[in-house]
């Protein structure tokens, strides 16, 4: 029995929080830009902090578990 919860949570958040895919904080011209598909060092840092916080909340604090039987 394998626990796939942390793997799925981390993968989904990594894809959704890629800078420029859905939004970018800070943007090139504004504080928040949506769907511009561009990135900068500052936005990579901000998105990494947000990613770390959300993964910690979902995996450790809430304890998301998805079990798969083989």
Protein backbone atom coordinates (compact mmCIF):
# COMPACT_ATOMS: atom_id res chain seq x y z
CA UNK A 1 0.00 0.00 0.00
CA UNK A 2 1.64 3.22 -1.17
CA UNK A 3 0.80 6.76 -0.08
CA UNK A 4 0.54 8.88 -3.24
CA UNK A 5 -0.87 12.00 -1.53
CA UNK A 6 2.41 13.93 -1.18
CA UNK A 7 3.45 13.05 -4.74
CA UNK A 8 0.18 14.24 -6.28
CA UNK A 9 0.01 17.41 -4.15
CA UNK A 10 3.61 18.35 -4.96
CA UNK A 11 3.17 17.69 -8.69
CA UNK A 12 -0.08 19.65 -8.99
CA UNK A 13 1.28 22.62 -7.05
CA UNK A 14 4.51 22.60 -9.06
CA UNK A 15 2.60 22.79 -12.34
CA UNK A 16 0.02 25.33 -11.16
CA UNK A 17 2.57 27.61 -9.44
CA UNK A 18 5.02 27.76 -12.34
CA UNK A 19 5.72 31.50 -12.76
CA UNK A 20 3.83 32.91 -15.73
CA UNK A 21 1.53 29.94 -16.32
CA UNK A 22 -1.53 31.13 -14.38
CA UNK A 23 -0.12 34.23 -12.71
CA UNK A 24 3.17 35.90 -11.90
CA UNK A 25 4.07 37.73 -8.68
CA UNK A 26 5.81 40.23 -9.12
CA UNK A 27 5.05 40.89 -12.75
CA UNK A 28 7.22 42.78 -15.21
CA UNK A 29 4.99 45.87 -15.24
CA UNK A 30 2.43 45.24 -12.50
CA UNK A 31 2.36 43.57 -9.11
CA UNK A 32 0.38 40.59 -10.47
CA UNK A 33 0.19 39.57 -14.13
CA UNK A 34 -1.93 36.73 -15.47
CA UNK A 35 -0.92 34.27 -18.20
CA UNK A 36 2.04 36.17 -19.61
CA UNK A 37 4.38 33.08 -19.85
CA UNK A 38 7.41 35.16 -18.78
CA UNK A 39 9.48 34.93 -15.63
CA UNK A 40 12.18 36.68 -13.62
CA UNK A 41 14.41 35.81 -10.70
CA UNK A 42 12.18 37.63 -8.23
CA UNK A 43 9.05 35.80 -9.42
CA UNK A 44 10.84 32.44 -9.20
CA UNK A 45 11.75 33.21 -5.59
CA UNK A 46 8.23 34.35 -4.64
CA UNK A 47 6.60 31.34 -6.30
CA UNK A 48 9.09 28.99 -4.57
CA UNK A 49 8.14 30.45 -1.17
CA UNK A 50 4.42 30.09 -1.96
CA UNK A 51 5.01 26.50 -3.18
CA UNK A 52 6.93 25.56 -0.03
CA UNK A 53 4.21 27.02 2.19
CA UNK A 54 1.36 25.24 0.39
CA UNK A 55 3.17 21.89 0.26
CA UNK A 56 3.87 22.18 3.98
CA UNK A 57 0.24 22.97 4.72
CA UNK A 58 -1.24 20.18 2.57
CA UNK A 59 1.25 17.41 3.33
CA UNK A 60 2.25 18.04 6.94
CA UNK A 61 -0.50 20.12 8.57
CA UNK A 62 -3.58 18.70 6.83
CA UNK A 63 -2.04 15.32 6.01
CA UNK A 64 -3.37 14.55 2.53
CA UNK A 65 -3.20 10.79 1.95
CA UNK A 66 -4.11 8.86 -1.19
CA UNK A 67 -3.50 5.11 -0.90
CA UNK A 68 -3.11 2.76 -3.85
CA UNK A 69 -3.28 -1.03 -3.56
CA UNK A 70 -1.39 -3.15 -6.04
